[in-house]
Amino acid sequence: PILERVNEIIREVGEQEKFTMIFDASSMGIAYAASDVDLTEKVIERTDNALIKLIMEIIQRDSQMHRRVQEFIVDSLETATVTLNPDELGDVWDQVEAHIALEKETIKLAEASLETMQGTKMVVQEYLLDYLMIDEKKHNAILDTLATIKKGMYPYG
């Protein structure tokens, strides 16, 4: 009940003061966000354009994942310690390496496709391929960081 009241007061202050967001410094999370901050759903509802809908859905899903990551971080700091032992990583590492290889192959295919499209004025397709390539590179970087963590763990280090 106390936390509910605190959250209610934070929401009221945010609305009254017309804040866009209020951050909770202790948990590194968002304590309040104005309802119009996430306009992706409104844009999706208002347009019939398939490309605009697709882009807004991509942003919407990315934002949802960002919220999950923030919540995970907060939970790991406040309640549940996150652990990762060599056996857990070793059990799935072959699949992780296979996924890294697929990510790299996808990037090569996207780069080749973009090169082929140069000068064709297929701007929408180039835009989407560029998005895929950027996203795959991001995935690859995340997995490479996991590989770095693995290298620092016994018996892999």
C-alpha atoms as a PDB file:
ATOM      1  CA  PRO A   1       0.000   0.000   0.000  1.00  0.00           C
ATOM      2  CA  ILE A   2       2.797   2.471   0.757  1.00  0.00           C
ATOM      3  CA  LEU A   3       4.520   1.862  -2.583  1.00  0.00           C
ATOM      4  CA  GLU A   4       1.198   2.184  -4.389  1.00  0.00           C
ATOM      5  CA  ARG A   5       0.630   5.565  -2.717  1.00  0.00           C
ATOM      6  CA  VAL A   6       4.168   6.710  -3.568  1.00  0.00           C
ATOM      7  CA  ASN A   7       3.645   5.716  -7.210  1.00  0.00           C
ATOM      8  CA  GLU A   8       0.291   7.512  -7.226  1.00  0.00           C
ATOM      9  CA  ILE A   9       1.901  10.698  -5.889  1.00  0.00           C
ATOM     10  CA  ILE A  10       4.704  10.458  -8.458  1.00  0.00           C
ATOM     11  CA  ARG A  11       2.097  10.069 -11.215  1.00  0.00           C
ATOM     12  CA  GLU A  12       0.095  13.036  -9.900  1.00  0.00           C
ATOM     13  CA  VAL A  13       3.181  15.264  -9.724  1.00  0.00           C
ATOM     14  CA  GLY A  14       4.223  14.195 -13.213  1.00  0.00           C
ATOM     15  CA  GLU A  15       0.803  15.043 -14.619  1.00  0.00           C
ATOM     16  CA  GLN A  16       0.435  18.331 -12.709  1.00  0.00           C
ATOM     17  CA  GLU A  17       3.907  19.551 -13.606  1.00  0.00           C
ATOM     18  CA  LYS A  18       3.517  18.246 -17.179  1.00  0.00           C
ATOM     19  CA  PHE A  19       6.715  16.204 -16.915  1.00  0.00           C
ATOM     20  CA  THR A  20       7.471  13.820 -19.734  1.00  0.00           C
ATOM     21  CA  MET A  21       9.308  11.392 -17.455  1.00  0.00           C
ATOM     22  CA  ILE A  22      10.451  11.068 -13.873  1.00  0.00           C
ATOM     23  CA  PHE A  23      13.426   8.807 -13.305  1.00  0.00           C
ATOM     24  CA  ASP A  24      14.010   6.816 -10.137  1.00  0.00           C
ATOM     25  CA  ALA A  25      17.707   7.360  -9.483  1.00  0.00           C
ATOM     26  CA  SER A  26      17.877   4.609  -6.864  1.00  0.00           C
ATOM     27  CA  SER A  27      16.683   1.909  -9.238  1.00  0.00           C
ATOM     28  CA  MET A  28      17.861   3.408 -12.551  1.00  0.00           C
ATOM     29  CA  GLY A  29      14.326   2.994 -13.848  1.00  0.00           C
ATOM     30  CA  ILE A  30      11.462   5.181 -14.954  1.00  0.00           C
ATOM     31  CA  ALA A  31       9.121   6.106 -12.120  1.00  0.00           C
ATOM     32  CA  TYR A  32       6.666   7.965 -14.359  1.00  0.00           C
ATOM     33  CA  ALA A  33       6.156   8.423 -18.083  1.00  0.00           C
ATOM     34  CA  ALA A  34       3.468  10.570 -19.655  1.00  0.00           C
ATOM     35  CA  SER A  35       0.932   8.526 -21.574  1.00  0.00           C
ATOM     36  CA  ASP A  36       1.762  10.360 -24.788  1.00  0.00           C
ATOM     37  CA  VAL A  37       5.462   9.417 -24.632  1.00  0.00           C
ATOM     38  CA  ASP A  38       4.794   6.137 -26.407  1.00  0.00           C
ATOM     39  CA  LEU A  39       3.025   7.353 -29.491  1.00  0.00           C
ATOM     40  CA  THR A  40       3.865   4.317 -31.571  1.00  0.00           C
ATOM     41  CA  GLU A  41       0.464   2.695 -31.057  1.00  0.00           C
ATOM     42  CA  LYS A  42      -1.316   5.914 -32.044  1.00  0.00           C
ATOM     43  CA  VAL A  43       0.760   6.185 -35.207  1.00  0.00           C
ATOM     44  CA  ILE A  44       0.074   2.532 -36.057  1.00  0.00           C
ATOM     45  CA  GLU A  45      -3.663   3.098 -35.593  1.00  0.00           C
ATOM     46  CA  ARG A  46      -3.696   6.284 -37.686  1.00  0.00           C
ATOM     47  CA  THR A  47      -1.836   5.059 -40.747  1.00  0.00           C
ATOM     48  CA  ASP A  48      -2.675   2.628 -43.490  1.00  0.00           C
ATOM     49  CA  ASN A  49       0.866   2.761 -44.837  1.00  0.00           C
ATOM     50  CA  ALA A  50       2.494  -0.649 -44.424  1.00  0.00           C
ATOM     51  CA  LEU A  51       6.036   0.760 -44.192  1.00  0.00           C
ATOM     52  CA  ILE A  52       5.150   3.271 -41.480  1.00  0.00           C
ATOM     53  CA  LYS A  53       3.316   0.552 -39.533  1.00  0.00           C
ATOM     54  CA  LEU A  54       6.306  -1.776 -39.818  1.00  0.00           C
ATOM     55  CA  ILE A  55       8.757   0.886 -38.633  1.00  0.00           C
ATOM     56  CA  MET A  56       6.560   1.842 -35.688  1.00  0.00           C
ATOM     57  CA  GLU A  57       6.113  -1.835 -34.735  1.00  0.00           C
ATOM     58  CA  ILE A  58       9.908  -2.266 -34.792  1.00  0.00           C
ATOM     59  CA  ILE A  59      10.319   0.749 -32.495  1.00  0.00           C
ATOM     60  CA  GLN A  60       7.488  -0.445 -30.250  1.00  0.00           C
ATOM     61  CA  ARG A  61       9.006  -3.905 -29.794  1.00  0.00           C
ATOM     62  CA  ASP A  62      12.442  -2.427 -29.210  1.00  0.00           C
ATOM     63  CA  SER A  63      11.009  -0.145 -26.522  1.00  0.00           C
ATOM     64  CA  GLN A  64       9.290  -3.108 -24.876  1.00  0.00           C
ATOM     65  CA  MET A  65      12.604  -4.967 -24.774  1.00  0.00           C
ATOM     66  CA  HIS A  66      14.346  -1.914 -23.327  1.00  0.00           C
ATOM     67  CA  ARG A  67      11.765  -1.876 -20.536  1.00  0.00           C
ATOM     68  CA  ARG A  68      12.383  -5.592 -19.874  1.00  0.00           C
ATOM     69  CA  VAL A  69      16.133  -5.005 -19.681  1.00  0.00           C
ATOM     70  CA  GLN A  70      15.649  -2.069 -17.296  1.00  0.00           C
ATOM     71  CA  GLU A  71      13.363  -4.175 -15.100  1.00  0.00           C
ATOM     72  CA  PHE A  72      15.885  -7.024 -15.144  1.00  0.00           C
ATOM     73  CA  ILE A  73      18.651  -4.666 -14.054  1.00  0.00           C
ATOM     74  CA  VAL A  74      16.516  -3.258 -11.247  1.00  0.00           C
ATOM     75  CA  ASP A  75      15.475  -6.752 -10.112  1.00  0.00           C
ATOM     76  CA  SER A  76      19.089  -7.906 -10.169  1.00  0.00           C
ATOM     77  CA  LEU A  77      20.069  -4.992  -7.947  1.00  0.00           C
ATOM     78  CA  GLU A  78      17.131  -5.143  -5.559  1.00  0.00           C
ATOM     79  CA  THR A  79      15.984  -8.743  -5.265  1.00  0.00           C
ATOM     80  CA  ALA A  80      17.463 -11.541  -7.356  1.00  0.00           C
ATOM     81  CA  THR A  81      21.195 -11.729  -7.877  1.00  0.00           C
ATOM     82  CA  VAL A  82      22.121 -12.699 -11.412  1.00  0.00           C
ATOM     83  CA  THR A  83      24.546 -15.564 -11.748  1.00  0.00           C
ATOM     84  CA  LEU A  84      26.151 -17.251 -14.689  1.00  0.00           C
ATOM     85  CA  ASN A  85      28.424 -20.201 -14.179  1.00  0.00           C
ATOM     86  CA  PRO A  86      30.696 -21.916 -16.708  1.00  0.00           C
ATOM     87  CA  ASP A  87      28.483 -25.012 -16.894  1.00  0.00           C
ATOM     88  CA  GLU A  88      25.388 -22.972 -17.800  1.00  0.00           C
ATOM     89  CA  LEU A  89      27.297 -21.151 -20.503  1.00  0.00           C
ATOM     90  CA  GLY A  90      29.017 -24.323 -21.683  1.00  0.00           C
ATOM     91  CA  ASP A  91      25.669 -26.115 -22.091  1.00  0.00           C
ATOM     92  CA  VAL A  92      24.525 -23.658 -24.749  1.00  0.00           C
ATOM     93  CA  TRP A  93      27.777 -22.333 -26.162  1.00  0.00           C
ATOM     94  CA  ASP A  94      27.692 -24.415 -29.350  1.00  0.00           C
ATOM     95  CA  GLN A  95      24.293 -22.900 -30.186  1.00  0.00           C
ATOM     96  CA  VAL A  96      25.534 -19.401 -29.314  1.00  0.00           C
ATOM     97  CA  GLU A  97      28.504 -19.834 -31.656  1.00  0.00           C
ATOM     98  CA  ALA A  98      26.198 -21.122 -34.400  1.00  0.00           C
ATOM     99  CA  HIS A  99      23.997 -18.067 -33.895  1.00  0.00           C
ATOM    100  CA  ILE A 100      27.032 -15.758 -34.093  1.00  0.00           C
ATOM    101  CA  ALA A 101      27.944 -17.385 -37.421  1.00  0.00           C
ATOM    102  CA  LEU A 102      24.384 -16.894 -38.705  1.00  0.00           C
ATOM    103  CA  GLU A 103      24.431 -13.243 -37.638  1.00  0.00           C
ATOM    104  CA  LYS A 104      27.692 -12.689 -39.515  1.00  0.00           C
ATOM    105  CA  GLU A 105      26.318 -14.416 -42.630  1.00  0.00           C
ATOM    106  CA  THR A 106      23.154 -12.296 -42.488  1.00  0.00           C
ATOM    107  CA  ILE A 107      25.287  -9.144 -42.314  1.00  0.00           C
ATOM    108  CA  LYS A 108      27.275 -10.262 -45.376  1.00  0.00           C
ATOM    109  CA  LEU A 109      24.049 -10.944 -47.304  1.00  0.00           C
ATOM    110  CA  ALA A 110      22.604  -7.561 -46.345  1.00  0.00           C
ATOM    111  CA  GLU A 111      25.831  -5.790 -47.370  1.00  0.00           C
ATOM    112  CA  ALA A 112      25.860  -7.624 -50.717  1.00  0.00           C
ATOM    113  CA  SER A 113      22.209  -6.808 -51.312  1.00  0.00           C
ATOM    114  CA  LEU A 114      22.795  -3.137 -50.516  1.00  0.00           C
ATOM    115  CA  GLU A 115      25.739  -3.050 -52.896  1.00  0.00           C
ATOM    116  CA  THR A 116      23.608  -4.598 -55.639  1.00  0.00           C
ATOM    117  CA  MET A 117      20.863  -2.020 -55.052  1.00  0.00           C
ATOM    118  CA  GLN A 118      23.122   1.023 -55.319  1.00  0.00           C
ATOM    119  CA  GLY A 119      21.816   3.388 -57.958  1.00  0.00           C
ATOM    120  CA  THR A 120      18.478   1.575 -58.349  1.00  0.00           C
ATOM    121  CA  LYS A 121      16.460   4.144 -56.390  1.00  0.00           C
ATOM    122  CA  MET A 122      14.926   1.345 -54.313  1.00  0.00           C
ATOM    123  CA  VAL A 123      15.119   3.561 -51.240  1.00  0.00           C
ATOM    124  CA  VAL A 124      12.562   1.656 -49.155  1.00  0.00           C
ATOM    125  CA  GLN A 125      14.294  -1.671 -49.677  1.00  0.00           C
ATOM    126  CA  GLU A 126      17.699  -0.088 -49.024  1.00  0.00           C
ATOM    127  CA  TYR A 127      16.313   1.503 -45.856  1.00  0.00           C
ATOM    128  CA  LEU A 128      14.984  -1.827 -44.574  1.00  0.00           C
ATOM    129  CA  LEU A 129      18.152  -3.731 -45.485  1.00  0.00           C
ATOM    130  CA  ASP A 130      20.195  -1.065 -43.725  1.00  0.00           C
ATOM    131  CA  TYR A 131      17.977  -1.479 -40.646  1.00  0.00           C
ATOM    132  CA  LEU A 132      18.456  -5.273 -40.735  1.00  0.00           C
ATOM    133  CA  MET A 133      22.210  -4.896 -41.077  1.00  0.00           C
ATOM    134  CA  ILE A 134      22.418  -2.451 -38.144  1.00  0.00           C
ATOM    135  CA  ASP A 135      20.243  -4.720 -36.004  1.00  0.00           C
ATOM    136  CA  GLU A 136      22.268  -7.829 -36.855  1.00  0.00           C
ATOM    137  CA  LYS A 137      25.495  -5.969 -36.040  1.00  0.00           C
ATOM    138  CA  LYS A 138      23.967  -5.018 -32.677  1.00  0.00           C
ATOM    139  CA  HIS A 139      23.105  -8.675 -32.013  1.00  0.00           C
ATOM    140  CA  ASN A 140      26.602  -9.695 -33.030  1.00  0.00           C
ATOM    141  CA  ALA A 141      28.123  -7.147 -30.626  1.00  0.00           C
ATOM    142  CA  ILE A 142      25.932  -8.442 -27.770  1.00  0.00           C
ATOM    143  CA  LEU A 143      27.011 -12.028 -28.459  1.00  0.00           C
ATOM    144  CA  ASP A 144      30.664 -10.999 -28.829  1.00  0.00           C
ATOM    145  CA  THR A 145      30.446  -9.424 -25.372  1.00  0.00           C
ATOM    146  CA  LEU A 146      29.055 -12.687 -24.038  1.00  0.00           C
ATOM    147  CA  ALA A 147      32.055 -14.435 -25.600  1.00  0.00           C
ATOM    148  CA  THR A 148      34.335 -11.997 -23.749  1.00  0.00           C
ATOM    149  CA  ILE A 149      32.577 -12.844 -20.486  1.00  0.00           C
ATOM    150  CA  LYS A 150      33.040 -16.544 -21.257  1.00  0.00           C
ATOM    151  CA  LYS A 151      36.768 -16.050 -21.846  1.00  0.00           C
ATOM    152  CA  GLY A 152      37.075 -14.574 -18.372  1.00  0.00           C
ATOM    153  CA  MET A 153      35.419 -17.560 -16.690  1.00  0.00           C
ATOM    154  CA  TYR A 154      37.163 -20.652 -15.420  1.00  0.00           C
ATOM    155  CA  PRO A 155      37.717 -23.166 -17.115  1.00  0.00           C
ATOM    156  CA  TYR A 156      37.578 -21.100 -20.317  1.00  0.00           C
ATOM    157  CA  GLY A 157      39.905 -18.248 -19.288  1.00  0.00           C
END
